[in-house]
PDB file of all heavy atoms in Angstrom:
ATOM      1  N   PRO A   1       0.807  -1.234   0.000  1.00  0.00           N
ATOM      2  CA  PRO A   1       0.000   0.000   0.000  1.00  0.00           C
ATOM      3  C   PRO A   1       0.833   1.274   0.000  1.00  0.00           C
ATOM      4  O   PRO A   1       0.327   2.342  -0.344  1.00  0.00           O
ATOM      5  CB  PRO A   1      -0.820  -0.111   1.292  1.00  0.00           C
ATOM      6  CG  PRO A   1      -0.793  -1.551   1.648  1.00  0.00           C
ATOM      7  CD  PRO A   1       0.531  -2.081   1.164  1.00  0.00           C
ATOM      8  N   THR A   2       2.112   1.177   0.378  1.00  0.00           N
ATOM      9  CA  THR A   2       2.957   2.370   0.440  1.00  0.00           C
ATOM     10  C   THR A   2       3.818   2.550  -0.799  1.00  0.00           C
ATOM     11  O   THR A   2       4.624   3.480  -0.856  1.00  0.00           O
ATOM     12  CB  THR A   2       3.882   2.302   1.672  1.00  0.00           C
ATOM     13  OG1 THR A   2       4.826   1.226   1.505  1.00  0.00           O
ATOM     14  CG2 THR A   2       3.081   2.077   2.943  1.00  0.00           C
ATOM     15  N   ASP A   3       3.683   1.693  -1.804  1.00  0.00           N
ATOM     16  CA  ASP A   3       4.554   1.741  -2.974  1.00  0.00           C
ATOM     17  C   ASP A   3       4.482   3.103  -3.659  1.00  0.00           C
ATOM     18  O   ASP A   3       3.392   3.681  -3.837  1.00  0.00           O
ATOM     19  CB  ASP A   3       4.156   0.648  -3.974  1.00  0.00           C
ATOM     20  CG  ASP A   3       5.138   0.553  -5.125  1.00  0.00           C
ATOM     21  OD1 ASP A   3       6.242   0.019  -4.912  1.00  0.00           O
ATOM     22  OD2 ASP A   3       4.819   1.042  -6.220  1.00  0.00           O
ATOM     23  N   VAL A   4       5.648   3.607  -4.077  1.00  0.00           N
ATOM     24  CA  VAL A   4       5.730   4.966  -4.622  1.00  0.00           C
ATOM     25  C   VAL A   4       5.020   5.114  -5.962  1.00  0.00           C
ATOM     26  O   VAL A   4       4.662   6.232  -6.353  1.00  0.00           O
ATOM     27  CB  VAL A   4       7.200   5.409  -4.780  1.00  0.00           C
ATOM     28  CG1 VAL A   4       7.883   5.476  -3.443  1.00  0.00           C
ATOM     29  CG2 VAL A   4       7.954   4.483  -5.726  1.00  0.00           C
ATOM     30  N   TYR A   5       4.808   4.004  -6.665  1.00  0.00           N
ATOM     31  CA  TYR A   5       4.201   4.100  -7.987  1.00  0.00           C
ATOM     32  C   TYR A   5       2.673   4.037  -7.956  1.00  0.00           C
ATOM     33  O   TYR A   5       2.039   4.212  -9.001  1.00  0.00           O
ATOM     34  CB  TYR A   5       4.738   2.992  -8.893  1.00  0.00           C
ATOM     35  CG  TYR A   5       6.144   3.235  -9.403  1.00  0.00           C
ATOM     36  CD1 TYR A   5       7.069   2.203  -9.480  1.00  0.00           C
ATOM     37  CD2 TYR A   5       6.548   4.508  -9.825  1.00  0.00           C
ATOM     38  CE1 TYR A   5       8.349   2.421  -9.969  1.00  0.00           C
ATOM     39  CE2 TYR A   5       7.823   4.725 -10.297  1.00  0.00           C
ATOM     40  CZ  TYR A   5       8.724   3.686 -10.378  1.00  0.00           C
ATOM     41  OH  TYR A   5       9.988   3.915 -10.866  1.00  0.00           O
ATOM     42  N   ARG A   6       2.074   3.772  -6.822  1.00  0.00           N
ATOM     43  CA  ARG A   6       0.613   3.772  -6.743  1.00  0.00           C
ATOM     44  C   ARG A   6       0.111   5.210  -6.821  1.00  0.00           C
ATOM     45  O   ARG A   6       0.624   6.105  -6.141  1.00  0.00           O
ATOM     46  CB  ARG A   6       0.147   3.095  -5.453  1.00  0.00           C
ATOM     47  CG  ARG A   6       0.424   1.605  -5.436  1.00  0.00           C
ATOM     48  CD  ARG A   6       0.185   0.987  -4.077  1.00  0.00           C
ATOM     49  NE  ARG A   6      -1.228   0.979  -3.720  1.00  0.00           N
ATOM     50  CZ  ARG A   6      -1.887  -0.107  -3.312  1.00  0.00           C
ATOM     51  NH1 ARG A   6      -1.257  -1.285  -3.249  1.00  0.00           N
ATOM     52  NH2 ARG A   6      -3.153  -0.030  -2.972  1.00  0.00           N
ATOM     53  N   SER A   7      -0.881   5.451  -7.651  1.00  0.00           N
ATOM     54  CA  SER A   7      -1.320   6.817  -7.924  1.00  0.00           C
ATOM     55  C   SER A   7      -1.838   7.518  -6.680  1.00  0.00           C
ATOM     56  O   SER A   7      -1.696   8.733  -6.543  1.00  0.00           O
ATOM     57  CB  SER A   7      -2.403   6.806  -9.006  1.00  0.00           C
ATOM     58  OG  SER A   7      -3.575   6.184  -8.527  1.00  0.00           O
ATOM     59  N   GLU A   8      -2.435   6.767  -5.760  1.00  0.00           N
ATOM     60  CA  GLU A   8      -2.999   7.403  -4.568  1.00  0.00           C
ATOM     61  C   GLU A   8      -1.929   7.911  -3.612  1.00  0.00           C
ATOM     62  O   GLU A   8      -2.219   8.704  -2.706  1.00  0.00           O
ATOM     63  CB  GLU A   8      -3.936   6.439  -3.830  1.00  0.00           C
ATOM     64  CG  GLU A   8      -3.270   5.216  -3.206  1.00  0.00           C
ATOM     65  CD  GLU A   8      -3.278   4.015  -4.135  1.00  0.00           C
ATOM     66  OE1 GLU A   8      -3.187   4.209  -5.365  1.00  0.00           O
ATOM     67  OE2 GLU A   8      -3.387   2.878  -3.626  1.00  0.00           O
ATOM     68  N   ASN A   9      -0.659   7.477  -3.815  1.00  0.00           N
ATOM     69  CA  ASN A   9       0.425   7.926  -2.945  1.00  0.00           C
ATOM     70  C   ASN A   9       1.136   9.165  -3.480  1.00  0.00           C
ATOM     71  O   ASN A   9       2.106   9.629  -2.873  1.00  0.00           O
ATOM     72  CB  ASN A   9       1.438   6.796  -2.750  1.00  0.00           C
ATOM     73  CG  ASN A   9       0.854   5.641  -1.968  1.00  0.00           C
ATOM     74  OD1 ASN A   9      -0.056   5.828  -1.148  1.00  0.00           O
ATOM     75  ND2 ASN A   9       1.342   4.437  -2.214  1.00  0.00           N
ATOM     76  N   ALA A  10       0.675   9.676  -4.601  1.00  0.00           N
ATOM     77  CA  ALA A  10       1.301  10.866  -5.193  1.00  0.00           C
ATOM     78  C   ALA A  10       0.970  12.114  -4.379  1.00  0.00           C
ATOM     79  O   ALA A  10      -0.041  12.184  -3.681  1.00  0.00           O
ATOM     80  CB  ALA A  10       0.852  11.039  -6.633  1.00  0.00           C
ATOM     81  N   GLU A  11       1.836  13.105  -4.503  1.00  0.00           N
ATOM     82  CA  GLU A  11       1.592  14.442  -3.952  1.00  0.00           C
ATOM     83  C   GLU A  11       1.104  15.346  -5.075  1.00  0.00           C
ATOM     84  O   GLU A  11       1.264  15.039  -6.261  1.00  0.00           O
ATOM     85  CB  GLU A  11       2.879  15.000  -3.340  1.00  0.00           C
ATOM     86  CG  GLU A  11       3.509  14.133  -2.267  1.00  0.00           C
ATOM     87  CD  GLU A  11       2.714  14.144  -0.974  1.00  0.00           C
ATOM     88  OE1 GLU A  11       1.863  15.049  -0.800  1.00  0.00           O
ATOM     89  OE2 GLU A  11       2.931  13.236  -0.137  1.00  0.00           O
ATOM     90  N   HIS A  12       0.506  16.469  -4.695  1.00  0.00           N
ATOM     91  CA  HIS A  12      -0.107  17.330  -5.720  1.00  0.00           C
ATOM     92  C   HIS A  12       0.900  17.850  -6.729  1.00  0.00           C
ATOM     93  O   HIS A  12       0.565  18.105  -7.881  1.00  0.00           O
ATOM     94  CB  HIS A  12      -0.845  18.497  -5.054  1.00  0.00           C
ATOM     95  CG  HIS A  12       0.066  19.568  -4.521  1.00  0.00           C
ATOM     96  ND1 HIS A  12       0.677  19.493  -3.285  1.00  0.00           N
ATOM     97  CD2 HIS A  12       0.475  20.740  -5.071  1.00  0.00           C
ATOM     98  CE1 HIS A  12       1.422  20.572  -3.091  1.00  0.00           C
ATOM     99  NE2 HIS A  12       1.324  21.342  -4.150  1.00  0.00           N
ATOM    100  N   GLN A  13       2.195  17.991  -6.343  1.00  0.00           N
ATOM    101  CA  GLN A  13       3.205  18.529  -7.266  1.00  0.00           C
ATOM    102  C   GLN A  13       3.795  17.460  -8.180  1.00  0.00           C
ATOM    103  O   GLN A  13       4.588  17.770  -9.068  1.00  0.00           O
ATOM    104  CB  GLN A  13       4.335  19.216  -6.484  1.00  0.00           C
ATOM    105  CG  GLN A  13       5.245  18.286  -5.700  1.00  0.00           C
ATOM    106  CD  GLN A  13       4.795  18.084  -4.271  1.00  0.00           C
ATOM    107  OE1 GLN A  13       3.602  18.119  -3.986  1.00  0.00           O
ATOM    108  NE2 GLN A  13       5.745  17.896  -3.363  1.00  0.00           N
ATOM    109  N   ASP A  14       3.398  16.200  -8.012  1.00  0.00           N
ATOM    110  CA  ASP A  14       3.978  15.101  -8.783  1.00  0.00           C
ATOM    111  C   ASP A  14       3.392  15.013 -10.191  1.00  0.00           C
ATOM    112  O   ASP A  14       2.381  15.632 -10.511  1.00  0.00           O
ATOM    113  CB  ASP A  14       3.740  13.768  -8.068  1.00  0.00           C
ATOM    114  CG  ASP A  14       4.522  13.647  -6.770  1.00  0.00           C
ATOM    115  OD1 ASP A  14       5.510  14.387  -6.593  1.00  0.00           O
ATOM    116  OD2 ASP A  14       4.141  12.813  -5.925  1.00  0.00           O
ATOM    117  N   TRP A  15       4.054  14.171 -11.005  1.00  0.00           N
ATOM    118  CA  TRP A  15       3.598  13.846 -12.358  1.00  0.00           C
ATOM    119  C   TRP A  15       3.252  12.366 -12.402  1.00  0.00           C
ATOM    120  O   TRP A  15       4.057  11.526 -11.984  1.00  0.00           O
ATOM    121  CB  TRP A  15       4.696  14.152 -13.376  1.00  0.00           C
ATOM    122  CG  TRP A  15       4.902  15.622 -13.586  1.00  0.00           C
ATOM    123  CD1 TRP A  15       5.606  16.467 -12.798  1.00  0.00           C
ATOM    124  CD2 TRP A  15       4.358  16.414 -14.645  1.00  0.00           C
ATOM    125  NE1 TRP A  15       5.553  17.745 -13.305  1.00  0.00           N
ATOM    126  CE2 TRP A  15       4.792  17.741 -14.443  1.00  0.00           C
ATOM    127  CE3 TRP A  15       3.560  16.135 -15.747  1.00  0.00           C
ATOM    128  CZ2 TRP A  15       4.452  18.780 -15.295  1.00  0.00           C
ATOM    129  CZ3 TRP A  15       3.223  17.175 -16.606  1.00  0.00           C
ATOM    130  CH2 TRP A  15       3.661  18.482 -16.378  1.00  0.00           C
ATOM    131  N   VAL A  16       2.049  12.035 -12.882  1.00  0.00           N
ATOM    132  CA  VAL A  16       1.617  10.640 -12.974  1.00  0.00           C
ATOM    133  C   VAL A  16       1.501  10.239 -14.440  1.00  0.00           C
ATOM    134  O   VAL A  16       1.155  11.047 -15.302  1.00  0.00           O
ATOM    135  CB  VAL A  16       0.280  10.396 -12.246  1.00  0.00           C
ATOM    136  CG1 VAL A  16       0.457  10.511 -10.749  1.00  0.00           C
ATOM    137  CG2 VAL A  16      -0.798  11.339 -12.737  1.00  0.00           C
ATOM    138  N   MET A  17       1.777   8.963 -14.698  1.00  0.00           N
ATOM    139  CA  MET A  17       1.741   8.432 -16.067  1.00  0.00           C
ATOM    140  C   MET A  17       1.641   6.916 -15.981  1.00  0.00           C
ATOM    141  O   MET A  17       2.092   6.302 -15.007  1.00  0.00           O
ATOM    142  CB  MET A  17       3.004   8.844 -16.825  1.00  0.00           C
ATOM    143  CG  MET A  17       4.283   8.359 -16.193  1.00  0.00           C
ATOM    144  SD  MET A  17       5.716   9.433 -16.487  1.00  0.00           S
ATOM    145  CE  MET A  17       5.317  10.824 -15.434  1.00  0.00           C
ATOM    146  N   VAL A  18       1.030   6.293 -16.980  1.00  0.00           N
ATOM    147  CA  VAL A  18       0.986   4.830 -16.976  1.00  0.00           C
ATOM    148  C   VAL A  18       2.301   4.237 -17.456  1.00  0.00           C
ATOM    149  O   VAL A  18       2.648   3.108 -17.136  1.00  0.00           O
ATOM    150  CB  VAL A  18      -0.187   4.276 -17.826  1.00  0.00           C
ATOM    151  CG1 VAL A  18      -1.512   4.606 -17.173  1.00  0.00           C
ATOM    152  CG2 VAL A  18      -0.137   4.786 -19.258  1.00  0.00           C
ATOM    153  N   GLY A  19       3.049   4.983 -18.249  1.00  0.00           N
ATOM    154  CA  GLY A  19       4.329   4.517 -18.750  1.00  0.00           C
ATOM    155  C   GLY A  19       5.095   5.665 -19.364  1.00  0.00           C
ATOM    156  O   GLY A  19       4.591   6.795 -19.462  1.00  0.00           O
ATOM    157  N   ASN A  20       6.324   5.388 -19.771  1.00  0.00           N
ATOM    158  CA  ASN A  20       7.138   6.413 -20.423  1.00  0.00           C
ATOM    159  C   ASN A  20       7.903   5.779 -21.584  1.00  0.00           C
ATOM    160  O   ASN A  20       7.576   4.683 -22.023  1.00  0.00           O
ATOM    161  CB  ASN A  20       8.080   7.072 -19.403  1.00  0.00           C
ATOM    162  CG  ASN A  20       9.000   6.073 -18.715  1.00  0.00           C
ATOM    163  OD1 ASN A  20       9.270   4.987 -19.232  1.00  0.00           O
ATOM    164  ND2 ASN A  20       9.500   6.428 -17.547  1.00  0.00           N
ATOM    165  N   HIS A  21       8.917   6.459 -22.062  1.00  0.00           N
ATOM    166  CA  HIS A  21       9.632   5.952 -23.237  1.00  0.00           C
ATOM    167  C   HIS A  21      10.440   4.689 -22.945  1.00  0.00           C
ATOM    168  O   HIS A  21      10.882   4.014 -23.875  1.00  0.00           O
ATOM    169  CB  HIS A  21      10.545   7.045 -23.809  1.00  0.00           C
ATOM    170  CG  HIS A  21      11.649   7.464 -22.880  1.00  0.00           C
ATOM    171  ND1 HIS A  21      11.525   8.525 -22.019  1.00  0.00           N
ATOM    172  CD2 HIS A  21      12.892   6.951 -22.675  1.00  0.00           C
ATOM    173  CE1 HIS A  21      12.643   8.661 -21.323  1.00  0.00           C
ATOM    174  NE2 HIS A  21      13.482   7.719 -21.700  1.00  0.00           N
ATOM    175  N   ASP A  22      10.655   4.364 -21.669  1.00  0.00           N
ATOM    176  CA  ASP A  22      11.444   3.196 -21.299  1.00  0.00           C
ATOM    177  C   ASP A  22      10.602   1.989 -20.899  1.00  0.00           C
ATOM    178  O   ASP A  22      11.163   0.972 -20.472  1.00  0.00           O
ATOM    179  CB  ASP A  22      12.364   3.532 -20.114  1.00  0.00           C
ATOM    180  CG  ASP A  22      13.550   4.385 -20.520  1.00  0.00           C
ATOM    181  OD1 ASP A  22      13.994   4.270 -21.672  1.00  0.00           O
ATOM    182  OD2 ASP A  22      14.029   5.168 -19.679  1.00  0.00           O
ATOM    183  N   THR A  23       9.283   2.078 -20.981  1.00  0.00           N
ATOM    184  CA  THR A  23       8.426   0.997 -20.497  1.00  0.00           C
ATOM    185  C   THR A  23       7.625   0.389 -21.649  1.00  0.00           C
ATOM    186  O   THR A  23       7.444   1.024 -22.694  1.00  0.00           O
ATOM    187  CB  THR A  23       7.440   1.518 -19.436  1.00  0.00           C
ATOM    188  OG1 THR A  23       6.581   2.500 -20.026  1.00  0.00           O
ATOM    189  CG2 THR A  23       8.171   2.129 -18.253  1.00  0.00           C
ATOM    190  N   PRO A  24       7.106  -0.811 -21.451  1.00  0.00           N
ATOM    191  CA  PRO A  24       6.208  -1.369 -22.471  1.00  0.00           C
ATOM    192  C   PRO A  24       4.949  -0.524 -22.605  1.00  0.00           C
ATOM    193  O   PRO A  24       4.512   0.132 -21.647  1.00  0.00           O
ATOM    194  CB  PRO A  24       5.872  -2.766 -21.925  1.00  0.00           C
ATOM    195  CG  PRO A  24       6.925  -3.062 -20.913  1.00  0.00           C
ATOM    196  CD  PRO A  24       7.342  -1.747 -20.346  1.00  0.00           C
ATOM    197  N   SER A  25       4.350  -0.545 -23.771  1.00  0.00           N
ATOM    198  CA  SER A  25       3.062   0.106 -23.980  1.00  0.00           C
ATOM    199  C   SER A  25       2.043  -0.485 -23.015  1.00  0.00           C
ATOM    200  O   SER A  25       2.046  -1.685 -22.732  1.00  0.00           O
ATOM    201  CB  SER A  25       2.610  -0.116 -25.425  1.00  0.00           C
ATOM    202  OG  SER A  25       1.219   0.036 -25.553  1.00  0.00           O
ATOM    203  N   ILE A  26       1.135   0.342 -22.500  1.00  0.00           N
ATOM    204  CA  ILE A  26       0.098  -0.156 -21.601  1.00  0.00           C
ATOM    205  C   ILE A  26      -0.789  -1.172 -22.307  1.00  0.00           C
ATOM    206  O   ILE A  26      -1.347  -2.087 -21.689  1.00  0.00           O
ATOM    207  CB  ILE A  26      -0.730   1.020 -21.018  1.00  0.00           C
ATOM    208  CG1 ILE A  26      -1.550   0.560 -19.805  1.00  0.00           C
ATOM    209  CG2 ILE A  26      -1.609   1.649 -22.079  1.00  0.00           C
ATOM    210  CD1 ILE A  26      -0.727   0.036 -18.662  1.00  0.00           C
ATOM    211  N   TRP A  27      -0.905  -1.063 -23.628  1.00  0.00           N
ATOM    212  CA  TRP A  27      -1.710  -2.011 -24.404  1.00  0.00           C
ATOM    213  C   TRP A  27      -1.029  -3.381 -24.452  1.00  0.00           C
ATOM    214  O   TRP A  27      -1.700  -4.419 -24.373  1.00  0.00           O
ATOM    215  CB  TRP A  27      -1.933  -1.466 -25.808  1.00  0.00           C
ATOM    216  CG  TRP A  27      -2.565  -0.121 -25.776  1.00  0.00           C
ATOM    217  CD1 TRP A  27      -1.928   1.081 -25.740  1.00  0.00           C
ATOM    218  CD2 TRP A  27      -3.965   0.165 -25.724  1.00  0.00           C
ATOM    219  NE1 TRP A  27      -2.844   2.095 -25.679  1.00  0.00           N
ATOM    220  CE2 TRP A  27      -4.100   1.570 -25.667  1.00  0.00           C
ATOM    221  CE3 TRP A  27      -5.112  -0.627 -25.737  1.00  0.00           C
ATOM    222  CZ2 TRP A  27      -5.334   2.195 -25.618  1.00  0.00           C
ATOM    223  CZ3 TRP A  27      -6.346  -0.005 -25.686  1.00  0.00           C
ATOM    224  CH2 TRP A  27      -6.449   1.386 -25.629  1.00  0.00           C
ATOM    225  N   ARG A  28       0.279  -3.391 -24.592  1.00  0.00           N
ATOM    226  CA  ARG A  28       1.010  -4.643 -24.571  1.00  0.00           C
ATOM    227  C   ARG A  28       0.902  -5.312 -23.205  1.00  0.00           C
ATOM    228  O   ARG A  28       0.705  -6.519 -23.085  1.00  0.00           O
ATOM    229  CB  ARG A  28       2.476  -4.366 -24.899  1.00  0.00           C
ATOM    230  CG  ARG A  28       3.419  -5.555 -24.879  1.00  0.00           C
ATOM    231  CD  ARG A  28       3.242  -6.446 -26.073  1.00  0.00           C
ATOM    232  NE  ARG A  28       2.311  -7.525 -25.859  1.00  0.00           N
ATOM    233  CZ  ARG A  28       1.745  -8.223 -26.825  1.00  0.00           C
ATOM    234  NH1 ARG A  28       1.994  -7.936 -28.091  1.00  0.00           N
ATOM    235  NH2 ARG A  28       0.916  -9.202 -26.552  1.00  0.00           N
ATOM    236  N   LEU A  29       1.036  -4.481 -22.160  1.00  0.00           N
ATOM    237  CA  LEU A  29       0.989  -5.014 -20.803  1.00  0.00           C
ATOM    238  C   LEU A  29      -0.373  -5.606 -20.465  1.00  0.00           C
ATOM    239  O   LEU A  29      -0.462  -6.726 -19.950  1.00  0.00           O
ATOM    240  CB  LEU A  29       1.317  -3.906 -19.795  1.00  0.00           C
ATOM    241  CG  LEU A  29       2.773  -3.681 -19.414  1.00  0.00           C
ATOM    242  CD1 LEU A  29       2.859  -2.627 -18.339  1.00  0.00           C
ATOM    243  CD2 LEU A  29       3.429  -4.969 -18.945  1.00  0.00           C
ATOM    244  N   THR A  30      -1.445  -4.829 -20.725  1.00  0.00           N
ATOM    245  CA  THR A  30      -2.762  -5.325 -20.338  1.00  0.00           C
ATOM    246  C   THR A  30      -3.153  -6.566 -21.142  1.00  0.00           C
ATOM    247  O   THR A  30      -3.835  -7.454 -20.621  1.00  0.00           O
ATOM    248  CB  THR A  30      -3.836  -4.236 -20.492  1.00  0.00           C
ATOM    249  OG1 THR A  30      -3.818  -3.717 -21.837  1.00  0.00           O
ATOM    250  CG2 THR A  30      -3.588  -3.091 -19.519  1.00  0.00           C
ATOM    251  N   LYS A  31      -2.688  -6.648 -22.389  1.00  0.00           N
ATOM    252  CA  LYS A  31      -2.945  -7.868 -23.166  1.00  0.00           C
ATOM    253  C   LYS A  31      -2.201  -9.044 -22.545  1.00  0.00           C
ATOM    254  O   LYS A  31      -2.733 -10.165 -22.465  1.00  0.00           O
ATOM    255  CB  LYS A  31      -2.525  -7.660 -24.616  1.00  0.00           C
ATOM    256  CG  LYS A  31      -2.792  -8.873 -25.499  1.00  0.00           C
ATOM    257  CD  LYS A  31      -2.477  -8.583 -26.965  1.00  0.00           C
ATOM    258  CE  LYS A  31      -3.597  -7.797 -27.632  1.00  0.00           C
ATOM    259  NZ  LYS A  31      -3.400  -7.691 -29.114  1.00  0.00           N
ATOM    260  N   ASP A  32      -0.979  -8.814 -22.073  1.00  0.00           N
ATOM    261  CA  ASP A  32      -0.211  -9.878 -21.423  1.00  0.00           C
ATOM    262  C   ASP A  32      -0.819 -10.263 -20.072  1.00  0.00           C
ATOM    263  O   ASP A  32      -0.745 -11.428 -19.659  1.00  0.00           O
ATOM    264  CB  ASP A  32       1.240  -9.443 -21.223  1.00  0.00           C
ATOM    265  CG  ASP A  32       2.016  -9.363 -22.529  1.00  0.00           C
ATOM    266  OD1 ASP A  32       1.536  -9.905 -23.545  1.00  0.00           O
ATOM    267  OD2 ASP A  32       3.096  -8.742 -22.534  1.00  0.00           O
TER     268      ASP A  32
END
């Protein structure tokens, strides 16, 4: 529950994203 990547643990000044240029596409992941 304390993991830094969970969206609910973000602070208002943070940037959230499902992925970036170094990660698999979210479409590839959810299909897998």
